[in-house]
N, C-alpha and C. Protein backbone atom coordinates (compact mmCIF):
# COMPACT_ATOMS: atom_id res chain seq x y z
N MET A 1 30.02 18.88 -134.39
CA MET A 1 31.25 18.16 -134.15
C MET A 1 32.33 19.16 -133.75
N SER A 2 33.06 18.88 -132.70
CA SER A 2 34.10 19.77 -132.22
C SER A 2 35.43 19.45 -132.91
N ARG A 3 36.15 20.52 -133.22
CA ARG A 3 37.48 20.34 -133.78
C ARG A 3 38.47 20.11 -132.65
N ILE A 4 39.54 19.40 -132.96
CA ILE A 4 40.59 19.17 -131.97
C ILE A 4 41.76 20.09 -132.26
N PHE A 5 42.23 20.08 -133.50
CA PHE A 5 43.41 20.86 -133.86
C PHE A 5 43.03 22.23 -134.40
N ASN A 6 43.91 23.17 -134.18
CA ASN A 6 43.80 24.53 -134.71
C ASN A 6 42.59 25.30 -134.19
N THR A 7 42.19 25.02 -132.96
CA THR A 7 41.16 25.84 -132.33
C THR A 7 41.84 27.07 -131.74
N ARG A 8 41.07 28.08 -131.43
CA ARG A 8 41.65 29.29 -130.83
C ARG A 8 42.31 28.95 -129.49
N PHE A 9 41.70 28.05 -128.72
CA PHE A 9 42.28 27.65 -127.44
C PHE A 9 43.64 27.00 -127.64
N GLU A 10 43.73 26.02 -128.54
CA GLU A 10 45.01 25.36 -128.79
C GLU A 10 46.05 26.35 -129.28
N LEU A 11 45.66 27.20 -130.23
CA LEU A 11 46.62 28.18 -130.76
C LEU A 11 47.03 29.18 -129.69
N SER A 12 46.13 29.56 -128.79
CA SER A 12 46.52 30.52 -127.75
C SER A 12 47.57 29.92 -126.83
N LEU A 13 47.49 28.63 -126.54
CA LEU A 13 48.52 27.99 -125.73
C LEU A 13 49.85 27.95 -126.46
N ARG A 14 49.81 27.61 -127.74
CA ARG A 14 51.06 27.57 -128.52
C ARG A 14 51.65 28.98 -128.66
N VAL A 15 50.80 29.97 -128.89
CA VAL A 15 51.28 31.35 -129.02
C VAL A 15 51.90 31.81 -127.70
N LEU A 16 51.30 31.44 -126.59
CA LEU A 16 51.87 31.79 -125.29
C LEU A 16 53.26 31.18 -125.15
N ILE A 17 53.43 29.95 -125.60
CA ILE A 17 54.75 29.32 -125.57
C ILE A 17 55.71 30.11 -126.46
N LEU A 18 55.27 30.48 -127.66
CA LEU A 18 56.14 31.26 -128.56
C LEU A 18 56.56 32.58 -127.93
N LEU A 19 55.62 33.27 -127.31
CA LEU A 19 55.94 34.56 -126.69
C LEU A 19 57.00 34.39 -125.61
N ASN A 20 56.95 33.29 -124.90
CA ASN A 20 57.90 33.05 -123.82
C ASN A 20 59.24 32.52 -124.32
N VAL A 21 59.23 31.83 -125.44
CA VAL A 21 60.47 31.31 -126.02
C VAL A 21 61.24 32.41 -126.76
N SER A 22 60.51 33.33 -127.37
CA SER A 22 61.12 34.39 -128.16
C SER A 22 61.89 35.37 -127.28
N LYS A 23 62.94 35.88 -127.84
CA LYS A 23 63.74 36.88 -127.13
C LYS A 23 63.31 38.30 -127.49
N ILE A 24 62.38 38.42 -128.44
CA ILE A 24 61.90 39.72 -128.89
C ILE A 24 60.37 39.71 -128.95
N ALA A 25 59.78 40.90 -129.03
CA ALA A 25 58.33 41.00 -129.22
C ALA A 25 57.97 40.38 -130.57
N LEU A 26 56.86 39.67 -130.61
CA LEU A 26 56.43 39.00 -131.84
C LEU A 26 55.25 39.70 -132.46
N ASP A 27 55.33 39.92 -133.77
CA ASP A 27 54.18 40.45 -134.49
C ASP A 27 53.34 39.27 -134.99
N LEU A 28 52.17 39.57 -135.49
CA LEU A 28 51.25 38.54 -135.95
C LEU A 28 51.87 37.66 -137.03
N GLU A 29 52.49 38.28 -138.02
CA GLU A 29 53.04 37.51 -139.15
C GLU A 29 54.10 36.52 -138.69
N THR A 30 55.03 36.98 -137.90
CA THR A 30 56.09 36.10 -137.41
C THR A 30 55.49 34.98 -136.57
N THR A 31 54.54 35.32 -135.74
CA THR A 31 53.94 34.33 -134.84
C THR A 31 53.29 33.20 -135.61
N TYR A 32 52.49 33.53 -136.62
CA TYR A 32 51.79 32.44 -137.30
C TYR A 32 52.72 31.62 -138.18
N VAL A 33 53.77 32.22 -138.72
CA VAL A 33 54.72 31.45 -139.52
C VAL A 33 55.56 30.54 -138.62
N VAL A 34 56.07 31.08 -137.53
CA VAL A 34 56.87 30.26 -136.61
C VAL A 34 56.02 29.12 -136.04
N ASP A 35 54.76 29.40 -135.72
CA ASP A 35 53.88 28.35 -135.21
C ASP A 35 53.73 27.24 -136.23
N PHE A 36 53.53 27.59 -137.48
CA PHE A 36 53.36 26.58 -138.52
C PHE A 36 54.62 25.73 -138.68
N VAL A 37 55.76 26.38 -138.72
CA VAL A 37 57.03 25.67 -138.87
C VAL A 37 57.28 24.77 -137.66
N ALA A 38 57.01 25.27 -136.46
CA ALA A 38 57.22 24.47 -135.25
C ALA A 38 56.28 23.27 -135.20
N THR A 39 55.03 23.47 -135.59
CA THR A 39 54.05 22.39 -135.56
C THR A 39 54.37 21.30 -136.58
N TYR A 40 54.86 21.70 -137.74
CA TYR A 40 55.22 20.74 -138.79
C TYR A 40 56.74 20.69 -138.96
N GLY A 41 57.42 20.51 -137.84
CA GLY A 41 58.88 20.52 -137.80
C GLY A 41 59.55 19.53 -138.72
N ARG A 42 59.00 18.34 -138.84
CA ARG A 42 59.63 17.35 -139.73
C ARG A 42 59.57 17.81 -141.19
N THR A 43 58.48 18.44 -141.56
CA THR A 43 58.32 18.94 -142.92
C THR A 43 59.43 19.93 -143.26
N PHE A 44 59.88 20.69 -142.25
CA PHE A 44 60.90 21.71 -142.46
C PHE A 44 62.28 21.26 -141.99
N SER A 45 62.40 19.97 -141.69
CA SER A 45 63.67 19.34 -141.27
C SER A 45 64.27 19.95 -140.01
N ILE A 46 63.41 20.36 -139.07
CA ILE A 46 63.92 20.85 -137.79
C ILE A 46 63.55 19.90 -136.66
N SER A 47 62.80 18.83 -136.97
CA SER A 47 62.36 17.88 -135.96
C SER A 47 62.18 16.52 -136.61
N ASP A 48 62.11 15.50 -135.77
CA ASP A 48 61.88 14.15 -136.28
C ASP A 48 60.40 13.86 -136.51
N ILE A 49 59.54 14.72 -135.96
CA ILE A 49 58.10 14.49 -136.08
C ILE A 49 57.37 15.80 -136.41
N ASN A 50 56.16 15.65 -136.92
CA ASN A 50 55.22 16.76 -137.03
C ASN A 50 54.32 16.65 -135.81
N LEU A 51 54.34 17.64 -134.94
CA LEU A 51 53.64 17.55 -133.66
C LEU A 51 52.14 17.28 -133.79
N ASN A 52 51.53 17.77 -134.85
CA ASN A 52 50.09 17.53 -135.05
C ASN A 52 49.85 16.40 -136.03
N GLY A 53 50.86 15.58 -136.23
CA GLY A 53 50.71 14.41 -137.11
C GLY A 53 50.97 14.75 -138.57
N ASP A 54 50.94 13.72 -139.36
CA ASP A 54 51.16 13.86 -140.80
C ASP A 54 49.81 13.84 -141.50
N ASN A 55 49.63 14.79 -142.41
CA ASN A 55 48.42 14.78 -143.21
C ASN A 55 48.67 15.52 -144.51
N GLN A 56 47.90 15.20 -145.49
CA GLN A 56 48.10 15.79 -146.82
C GLN A 56 47.57 17.21 -146.92
N PHE A 57 46.88 17.69 -145.91
CA PHE A 57 46.27 19.01 -145.95
C PHE A 57 47.03 20.04 -145.11
N LYS A 58 48.21 19.69 -144.61
CA LYS A 58 48.91 20.59 -143.68
C LYS A 58 49.16 21.97 -144.28
N PHE A 59 49.52 22.05 -145.53
CA PHE A 59 49.79 23.36 -146.12
C PHE A 59 48.50 24.17 -146.30
N SER A 60 47.38 23.48 -146.43
CA SER A 60 46.10 24.17 -146.54
C SER A 60 45.73 24.86 -145.23
N GLU A 61 46.28 24.40 -144.12
CA GLU A 61 46.02 25.01 -142.82
C GLU A 61 46.65 26.39 -142.69
N PHE A 62 47.68 26.64 -143.47
CA PHE A 62 48.50 27.84 -143.28
C PHE A 62 47.68 29.13 -143.35
N ALA A 63 46.88 29.30 -144.38
CA ALA A 63 46.11 30.53 -144.54
C ALA A 63 45.07 30.70 -143.44
N VAL A 64 44.43 29.63 -143.05
CA VAL A 64 43.41 29.67 -142.02
C VAL A 64 44.03 30.04 -140.67
N ARG A 65 45.22 29.57 -140.44
CA ARG A 65 45.88 29.82 -139.16
C ARG A 65 46.11 31.29 -138.87
N HIS A 66 46.28 32.08 -139.89
CA HIS A 66 46.54 33.52 -139.70
C HIS A 66 45.45 34.14 -138.84
N GLU A 67 44.20 33.90 -139.20
CA GLU A 67 43.09 34.49 -138.45
C GLU A 67 42.93 33.88 -137.07
N ILE A 68 43.20 32.59 -136.94
CA ILE A 68 43.11 31.96 -135.62
C ILE A 68 44.19 32.50 -134.69
N VAL A 69 45.39 32.71 -135.22
CA VAL A 69 46.47 33.27 -134.40
C VAL A 69 46.12 34.71 -134.00
N ARG A 70 45.53 35.46 -134.90
CA ARG A 70 45.09 36.83 -134.57
C ARG A 70 44.11 36.78 -133.39
N ALA A 71 43.15 35.88 -133.46
CA ALA A 71 42.16 35.74 -132.38
C ALA A 71 42.82 35.24 -131.09
N ALA A 72 43.79 34.36 -131.23
CA ALA A 72 44.50 33.84 -130.05
C ALA A 72 45.29 34.95 -129.36
N LEU A 73 45.96 35.80 -130.14
CA LEU A 73 46.69 36.93 -129.56
C LEU A 73 45.73 37.87 -128.83
N LYS A 74 44.60 38.14 -129.44
CA LYS A 74 43.60 39.00 -128.82
C LYS A 74 43.13 38.40 -127.50
N GLU A 75 42.87 37.09 -127.50
CA GLU A 75 42.42 36.41 -126.30
C GLU A 75 43.49 36.47 -125.20
N LEU A 76 44.75 36.27 -125.57
CA LEU A 76 45.83 36.34 -124.58
C LEU A 76 45.94 37.73 -123.97
N VAL A 77 45.74 38.76 -124.79
CA VAL A 77 45.77 40.13 -124.28
C VAL A 77 44.60 40.36 -123.33
N LEU A 78 43.40 39.94 -123.74
CA LEU A 78 42.21 40.15 -122.91
C LEU A 78 42.29 39.40 -121.58
N LYS A 79 42.96 38.25 -121.57
CA LYS A 79 43.11 37.47 -120.34
C LYS A 79 44.30 37.94 -119.49
N GLY A 80 45.06 38.89 -120.01
CA GLY A 80 46.19 39.42 -119.26
C GLY A 80 47.46 38.59 -119.36
N TYR A 81 47.55 37.70 -120.35
CA TYR A 81 48.73 36.86 -120.54
C TYR A 81 49.74 37.44 -121.53
N ALA A 82 49.30 38.39 -122.32
CA ALA A 82 50.19 39.04 -123.30
C ALA A 82 49.89 40.53 -123.31
N GLN A 83 50.89 41.28 -123.71
CA GLN A 83 50.74 42.73 -123.77
C GLN A 83 51.20 43.21 -125.14
N PRO A 84 50.38 44.01 -125.82
CA PRO A 84 50.82 44.59 -127.09
C PRO A 84 51.76 45.76 -126.83
N ILE A 85 52.76 45.89 -127.67
CA ILE A 85 53.69 47.01 -127.58
C ILE A 85 54.00 47.50 -128.99
N VAL A 86 54.43 48.74 -129.09
CA VAL A 86 54.87 49.25 -130.39
C VAL A 86 56.25 48.64 -130.64
N ALA A 87 56.37 47.95 -131.77
CA ALA A 87 57.63 47.27 -132.10
C ALA A 87 57.94 47.53 -133.57
N GLY A 88 59.02 48.24 -133.83
CA GLY A 88 59.37 48.55 -135.21
C GLY A 88 58.30 49.39 -135.85
N ASP A 89 57.73 48.89 -136.93
CA ASP A 89 56.69 49.65 -137.64
C ASP A 89 55.29 49.08 -137.41
N GLY A 90 55.12 48.33 -136.32
CA GLY A 90 53.81 47.75 -136.06
C GLY A 90 53.64 47.41 -134.59
N ILE A 91 52.76 46.46 -134.37
CA ILE A 91 52.47 46.02 -133.01
C ILE A 91 53.12 44.67 -132.78
N GLY A 92 53.80 44.56 -131.66
CA GLY A 92 54.38 43.29 -131.24
C GLY A 92 53.73 42.88 -129.93
N TYR A 93 53.96 41.65 -129.55
CA TYR A 93 53.37 41.12 -128.32
C TYR A 93 54.46 40.49 -127.48
N VAL A 94 54.36 40.70 -126.17
CA VAL A 94 55.27 40.11 -125.20
C VAL A 94 54.42 39.48 -124.09
N PRO A 95 54.98 38.48 -123.42
CA PRO A 95 54.21 37.89 -122.32
C PRO A 95 54.20 38.82 -121.11
N THR A 96 53.12 38.80 -120.37
CA THR A 96 53.06 39.50 -119.09
C THR A 96 53.63 38.56 -118.02
N LYS A 97 53.71 39.05 -116.79
CA LYS A 97 54.15 38.17 -115.69
C LYS A 97 53.19 37.00 -115.54
N ALA A 98 51.90 37.27 -115.66
CA ALA A 98 50.89 36.20 -115.57
C ALA A 98 51.06 35.21 -116.72
N GLY A 99 51.37 35.72 -117.92
CA GLY A 99 51.59 34.86 -119.08
C GLY A 99 52.82 33.98 -118.90
N SER A 100 53.86 34.55 -118.34
CA SER A 100 55.08 33.76 -118.09
C SER A 100 54.83 32.70 -117.02
N ALA A 101 54.06 33.06 -115.99
CA ALA A 101 53.73 32.09 -114.93
C ALA A 101 52.90 30.95 -115.51
N TYR A 102 51.94 31.29 -116.37
CA TYR A 102 51.11 30.25 -116.97
C TYR A 102 51.97 29.36 -117.87
N PHE A 103 52.87 29.96 -118.62
CA PHE A 103 53.79 29.20 -119.47
C PHE A 103 54.59 28.21 -118.61
N GLU A 104 55.09 28.66 -117.49
CA GLU A 104 55.88 27.79 -116.61
C GLU A 104 55.05 26.63 -116.07
N SER A 105 53.73 26.81 -115.99
CA SER A 105 52.87 25.75 -115.47
C SER A 105 52.55 24.68 -116.52
N LEU A 106 52.85 24.95 -117.77
CA LEU A 106 52.55 24.00 -118.84
C LEU A 106 53.60 22.88 -118.83
N GLN A 107 53.33 21.83 -118.13
CA GLN A 107 54.28 20.75 -117.94
C GLN A 107 53.85 19.47 -118.66
N THR A 108 53.51 19.60 -119.94
CA THR A 108 53.11 18.42 -120.71
C THR A 108 54.20 18.08 -121.72
N ALA A 109 54.18 16.85 -122.18
CA ALA A 109 55.15 16.43 -123.20
C ALA A 109 54.98 17.26 -124.47
N TYR A 110 53.73 17.55 -124.83
CA TYR A 110 53.48 18.35 -126.03
C TYR A 110 54.07 19.74 -125.88
N ALA A 111 53.83 20.40 -124.75
CA ALA A 111 54.34 21.76 -124.54
C ALA A 111 55.86 21.77 -124.58
N THR A 112 56.49 20.78 -123.98
CA THR A 112 57.96 20.69 -123.98
C THR A 112 58.48 20.47 -125.40
N SER A 113 57.85 19.56 -126.13
CA SER A 113 58.27 19.30 -127.52
C SER A 113 58.04 20.52 -128.40
N TYR A 114 56.90 21.18 -128.21
CA TYR A 114 56.60 22.37 -129.01
C TYR A 114 57.60 23.47 -128.72
N ALA A 115 57.95 23.70 -127.46
CA ALA A 115 58.93 24.74 -127.10
C ALA A 115 60.28 24.44 -127.75
N ALA A 116 60.68 23.17 -127.76
CA ALA A 116 61.95 22.80 -128.39
C ALA A 116 61.90 23.07 -129.90
N CYS A 117 60.78 22.71 -130.53
CA CYS A 117 60.62 22.98 -131.97
C CYS A 117 60.54 24.48 -132.23
N ALA A 118 59.95 25.22 -131.31
CA ALA A 118 59.82 26.67 -131.48
C ALA A 118 61.20 27.33 -131.55
N HIS A 119 62.11 26.92 -130.68
CA HIS A 119 63.48 27.46 -130.72
C HIS A 119 64.08 27.26 -132.11
N LYS A 120 63.94 26.07 -132.64
CA LYS A 120 64.48 25.75 -133.97
C LYS A 120 63.72 26.50 -135.06
N ALA A 121 62.42 26.65 -134.88
CA ALA A 121 61.61 27.35 -135.88
C ALA A 121 61.98 28.83 -135.97
N PHE A 122 62.26 29.45 -134.83
CA PHE A 122 62.69 30.85 -134.86
C PHE A 122 63.98 31.00 -135.68
N ALA A 123 64.92 30.09 -135.46
CA ALA A 123 66.19 30.13 -136.21
C ALA A 123 65.94 29.87 -137.70
N TYR A 124 65.07 28.93 -138.00
CA TYR A 124 64.74 28.58 -139.38
C TYR A 124 64.14 29.78 -140.12
N VAL A 125 63.19 30.44 -139.48
CA VAL A 125 62.53 31.61 -140.09
C VAL A 125 63.53 32.76 -140.25
N ALA A 126 64.36 32.99 -139.25
CA ALA A 126 65.35 34.07 -139.32
C ALA A 126 66.34 33.82 -140.45
N GLU A 127 66.73 32.57 -140.63
CA GLU A 127 67.70 32.22 -141.67
C GLU A 127 67.13 32.41 -143.08
N ARG A 128 65.89 32.07 -143.27
CA ARG A 128 65.28 32.13 -144.60
C ARG A 128 64.59 33.45 -144.91
N GLY A 129 64.20 34.16 -143.89
CA GLY A 129 63.47 35.41 -144.08
C GLY A 129 61.98 35.14 -144.05
N LEU A 130 61.25 36.03 -143.40
CA LEU A 130 59.82 35.82 -143.20
C LEU A 130 59.05 35.78 -144.52
N GLN A 131 59.18 36.80 -145.35
CA GLN A 131 58.38 36.85 -146.58
C GLN A 131 58.75 35.75 -147.57
N PRO A 132 60.04 35.46 -147.79
CA PRO A 132 60.34 34.33 -148.69
C PRO A 132 59.76 33.00 -148.19
N LEU A 133 59.74 32.82 -146.88
CA LEU A 133 59.18 31.58 -146.33
C LEU A 133 57.67 31.55 -146.49
N ILE A 134 56.99 32.67 -146.26
CA ILE A 134 55.55 32.75 -146.50
C ILE A 134 55.24 32.42 -147.96
N ASP A 135 56.01 32.99 -148.87
CA ASP A 135 55.80 32.72 -150.30
C ASP A 135 56.00 31.24 -150.62
N GLU A 136 57.01 30.62 -150.02
CA GLU A 136 57.29 29.20 -150.26
C GLU A 136 56.17 28.32 -149.71
N ILE A 137 55.70 28.62 -148.52
CA ILE A 137 54.62 27.83 -147.93
C ILE A 137 53.34 27.99 -148.76
N ASN A 138 53.06 29.20 -149.22
CA ASN A 138 51.89 29.40 -150.08
C ASN A 138 52.02 28.63 -151.38
N ARG A 139 53.22 28.60 -151.95
CA ARG A 139 53.45 27.82 -153.17
C ARG A 139 53.21 26.33 -152.90
N LEU A 140 53.74 25.83 -151.79
CA LEU A 140 53.54 24.42 -151.43
C LEU A 140 52.07 24.13 -151.16
N SER A 141 51.36 25.10 -150.61
CA SER A 141 49.93 24.94 -150.36
C SER A 141 49.17 24.78 -151.67
N ARG A 142 49.49 25.61 -152.64
CA ARG A 142 48.83 25.50 -153.95
C ARG A 142 49.15 24.17 -154.61
N ARG A 143 50.42 23.74 -154.51
CA ARG A 143 50.83 22.46 -155.10
C ARG A 143 50.12 21.30 -154.40
N SER A 144 50.03 21.35 -153.08
CA SER A 144 49.37 20.32 -152.30
C SER A 144 47.90 20.23 -152.68
N ALA A 145 47.24 21.36 -152.83
CA ALA A 145 45.82 21.38 -153.20
C ALA A 145 45.62 20.77 -154.59
N THR A 146 46.52 21.05 -155.51
CA THR A 146 46.45 20.51 -156.86
C THR A 146 46.61 18.99 -156.83
N GLU A 147 47.57 18.50 -156.02
CA GLU A 147 47.81 17.06 -155.94
C GLU A 147 46.63 16.32 -155.32
N VAL A 148 45.95 16.92 -154.38
CA VAL A 148 44.79 16.30 -153.74
C VAL A 148 43.64 16.17 -154.74
N ARG A 149 43.49 17.16 -155.62
CA ARG A 149 42.40 17.13 -156.60
C ARG A 149 42.62 16.08 -157.68
N LYS A 150 43.85 15.65 -157.88
CA LYS A 150 44.14 14.67 -158.95
C LYS A 150 43.60 13.31 -158.62
């Protein structure tokens, strides 16, 4: 059975959008947190909807997404859509010209909605701080898992 959501292909398209929306190079941690917040915008009060729908397992997706986003970034680099650069104390990613051109070709309602949520998600993450937000999402994930087991 094929998965629809959270495949490497889907995440690579969303990551490409994030790289083009961001004004700075993105590291892995920021990318996967901003993606999660943008995808579940209503949960974080930055959108009227959750782009991937409402489900009781959304917080459980958070930990899994880290590795998928890592693979998506690698795929974007290998395809020539993103370039790794030294940024601060680690590696950041920026779109290449080909990546920006591909981003411009994404003319779907989902891509437009996701880009709008991404702008708000970047502000949301910057306001709260990356690590405190990761800690909060992990706490909500544990609480969500406990509620599902009841």
